[in-house]
Amino acid sequence: MPTTTELKQFCPQIGRLDWIGLSPEKRGEIRSVELAKVRTEQGLVGDHHSGGPGGARQITLIQAEHLPVIGALAGLVRIEPEQMRRNLVVSGINLLALKDRRFRIGTVILEGTGGCAPCSRMEETLGPGGFQAARGHGGITARVLTGGTLRVGDQVRDLPPPH
């Protein structure tokens, strides 16, 4: 039987990119798009987080399966991806398994850099208690290792560690 350490070395699920969102300016409206250009070491073209090289928060991702949970905890019937203010919504693969790992979405290679904790804006977008509802469900941040184009429907796959 494999150890927990061995099990953490690979995530066998294959996920799907369900949604892409861009915010051209800080605190600005999130625009839903079907495809986005991604620059190496910068992020999504047209998103205000894209910029200086080396940043750990070039792209933010959230788990689609967590949206109904956040909604239930916030007392809402439905949560729209724009309300969570993340760049990518992914389903079918546990994002936490990709934290501190390299993974591919379509042709783009990302590296999970940490958790993406909710901010106080959740009180505005989800109402009172929104911050607490989103805690533990905020997703992850990532750095772009190889740019390209992301398209809704792209596969999300874990990559083996570099040798």
Protein backbone atom coordinates (compact mmCIF):
# COMPACT_ATOMS: atom_id res chain seq x y z
CA MET A 1 0.00 0.00 0.00
CA PRO A 2 1.43 3.43 -0.93
CA THR A 3 2.32 5.91 1.79
CA THR A 4 0.67 9.32 2.05
CA THR A 5 3.90 10.92 0.83
CA GLU A 6 3.86 8.68 -2.25
CA LEU A 7 0.18 9.42 -2.90
CA LYS A 8 0.90 13.16 -2.86
CA GLN A 9 3.42 12.78 -5.69
CA PHE A 10 0.79 12.48 -8.42
CA CYS A 11 -2.83 13.48 -8.93
CA PRO A 12 -4.46 11.00 -11.35
CA GLN A 13 -7.66 12.99 -11.98
CA ILE A 14 -7.98 15.01 -15.18
CA GLY A 15 -9.88 18.23 -14.70
CA ARG A 16 -11.54 20.77 -16.98
CA LEU A 17 -11.32 24.53 -17.29
CA ASP A 18 -14.95 25.68 -16.90
CA TRP A 19 -14.65 29.46 -16.82
CA ILE A 20 -12.14 32.28 -17.42
CA GLY A 21 -12.46 35.75 -15.90
CA LEU A 22 -10.44 38.93 -16.42
CA SER A 23 -10.47 42.13 -14.39
CA PRO A 24 -8.69 44.92 -16.28
CA GLU A 25 -8.41 47.10 -13.17
CA LYS A 26 -8.17 46.63 -9.42
CA ARG A 27 -11.66 46.28 -7.89
CA GLY A 28 -13.00 46.37 -11.44
CA GLU A 29 -15.72 44.29 -13.02
CA ILE A 30 -14.81 40.69 -13.88
CA ARG A 31 -15.39 39.89 -17.56
CA SER A 32 -16.12 36.30 -18.53
CA VAL A 33 -14.24 35.20 -21.67
CA GLU A 34 -13.99 31.96 -23.65
CA LEU A 35 -10.23 32.22 -24.21
CA ALA A 36 -7.32 34.18 -22.78
CA LYS A 37 -3.71 34.73 -23.74
CA VAL A 38 -1.20 33.93 -21.02
CA ARG A 39 2.29 35.41 -20.76
CA THR A 40 5.16 33.50 -19.19
CA GLU A 41 6.03 34.85 -15.73
CA GLN A 42 3.25 37.47 -15.96
CA GLY A 43 -0.27 36.06 -16.12
CA LEU A 44 -3.43 36.60 -18.14
CA VAL A 45 -3.24 39.35 -20.75
CA GLY A 46 -5.83 41.98 -19.84
CA ASP A 47 -6.00 41.13 -16.13
CA HIS A 48 -4.72 43.63 -13.57
CA HIS A 49 -2.78 40.94 -11.70
CA SER A 50 -0.68 40.32 -14.82
CA GLY A 51 2.55 42.24 -14.67
CA GLY A 52 5.95 41.99 -13.08
CA PRO A 53 7.86 38.77 -13.40
CA GLY A 54 8.32 36.45 -10.47
CA GLY A 55 4.99 37.08 -8.78
CA ALA A 56 3.38 34.18 -6.95
CA ARG A 57 -0.17 35.40 -7.67
CA GLN A 58 -0.12 35.72 -11.46
CA ILE A 59 -3.29 33.61 -11.82
CA THR A 60 -5.96 32.65 -9.28
CA LEU A 61 -7.98 29.44 -9.51
CA ILE A 62 -11.02 28.14 -7.67
CA GLN A 63 -12.70 24.74 -7.56
CA ALA A 64 -16.09 24.63 -9.33
CA GLU A 65 -17.31 22.03 -6.85
CA HIS A 66 -16.79 24.54 -4.01
CA LEU A 67 -19.11 27.20 -5.43
CA PRO A 68 -22.33 25.48 -4.23
CA VAL A 69 -20.73 24.93 -0.80
CA ILE A 70 -19.85 28.63 -0.50
CA GLY A 71 -23.36 29.51 -1.66
CA ALA A 72 -24.96 27.25 0.93
CA LEU A 73 -22.77 28.66 3.72
CA ALA A 74 -23.58 32.22 2.60
CA GLY A 75 -27.31 31.46 2.42
CA LEU A 76 -27.42 32.00 -1.34
CA VAL A 77 -29.14 29.84 -3.93
CA ARG A 78 -26.31 30.21 -6.44
CA ILE A 79 -22.80 31.69 -6.66
CA GLU A 80 -21.57 33.04 -9.98
CA PRO A 81 -17.83 32.71 -10.73
CA GLU A 82 -17.50 36.51 -11.05
CA GLN A 83 -18.51 36.89 -7.41
CA MET A 84 -15.45 34.95 -6.25
CA ARG A 85 -13.09 37.24 -8.20
CA ARG A 86 -10.82 34.43 -9.39
CA ASN A 87 -9.37 34.07 -12.90
CA LEU A 88 -10.12 30.41 -13.53
CA VAL A 89 -12.80 27.98 -12.39
CA VAL A 90 -11.73 24.35 -12.65
CA SER A 91 -13.71 21.13 -12.11
CA GLY A 92 -12.90 17.44 -11.81
CA ILE A 93 -9.49 17.75 -10.13
CA ASN A 94 -8.66 18.74 -6.57
CA LEU A 95 -6.87 22.10 -6.82
CA LEU A 96 -5.29 21.62 -3.42
CA ALA A 97 -3.45 18.61 -4.88
CA LEU A 98 -1.84 21.03 -7.37
CA LYS A 99 -0.54 23.46 -4.74
CA ASP A 100 3.29 23.51 -4.85
CA ARG A 101 3.20 21.45 -8.08
CA ARG A 102 3.46 22.03 -11.80
CA PHE A 103 0.32 21.45 -13.85
CA ARG A 104 -0.93 22.00 -17.38
CA ILE A 105 -4.12 23.65 -18.56
CA GLY A 106 -4.31 23.20 -22.33
CA THR A 107 -0.84 24.27 -23.52
CA VAL A 108 -0.13 26.55 -20.55
CA ILE A 109 2.10 25.28 -17.72
CA LEU A 110 1.50 26.69 -14.25
CA GLU A 111 3.00 26.13 -10.83
CA GLY A 112 0.73 26.26 -7.79
CA THR A 113 2.22 28.78 -5.37
CA GLY A 114 -0.16 28.77 -2.43
CA GLY A 115 -3.66 29.07 -1.13
CA CYS A 116 -5.90 31.93 -2.25
CA ALA A 117 -7.63 33.05 0.91
CA PRO A 118 -10.81 35.11 0.58
CA CYS A 119 -10.63 38.86 1.13
CA SER A 120 -13.04 41.28 2.76
CA ARG A 121 -14.64 41.88 -0.68
CA MET A 122 -16.58 38.66 -0.09
CA GLU A 123 -18.77 40.64 2.32
CA GLU A 124 -19.66 42.94 -0.59
CA THR A 125 -20.17 40.29 -3.26
CA LEU A 126 -21.80 37.56 -1.14
CA GLY A 127 -23.34 39.64 1.66
CA PRO A 128 -22.79 39.50 5.42
CA GLY A 129 -20.94 36.30 6.32
CA GLY A 130 -19.51 35.93 2.81
CA PHE A 131 -15.94 36.04 4.07
CA GLN A 132 -16.54 33.19 6.51
CA ALA A 133 -18.48 31.20 3.90
CA ALA A 134 -15.52 31.35 1.51
CA ARG A 135 -12.84 30.44 4.08
CA GLY A 136 -11.22 27.13 3.18
CA HIS A 137 -12.74 27.28 -0.30
CA GLY A 138 -10.77 30.15 -1.88
CA GLY A 139 -8.70 28.04 -4.26
CA ILE A 140 -5.03 28.48 -5.13
CA THR A 141 -2.65 30.97 -6.72
CA ALA A 142 -0.26 30.08 -9.52
CA ARG A 143 2.75 31.36 -11.43
CA VAL A 144 3.01 30.99 -15.22
CA LEU A 145 5.96 28.83 -16.31
CA THR A 146 4.95 28.53 -19.99
CA GLY A 147 2.51 30.91 -21.63
CA GLY A 148 0.04 30.22 -24.40
CA THR A 149 -3.72 30.34 -24.79
CA LEU A 150 -6.33 29.06 -22.35
CA ARG A 151 -9.73 27.98 -23.64
CA VAL A 152 -12.85 27.01 -21.73
CA GLY A 153 -12.97 23.21 -21.97
CA ASP A 154 -9.17 22.71 -21.78
CA GLN A 155 -7.96 19.75 -19.76
CA VAL A 156 -6.23 20.32 -16.42
CA ARG A 157 -3.48 17.78 -15.67
CA ASP A 158 -0.89 17.33 -12.97
CA LEU A 159 2.71 17.18 -14.26
CA PRO A 160 5.53 15.08 -12.84
CA PRO A 161 8.20 17.00 -10.92
CA PRO A 162 11.11 18.18 -13.11
CA HIS A 163 14.19 15.99 -12.92
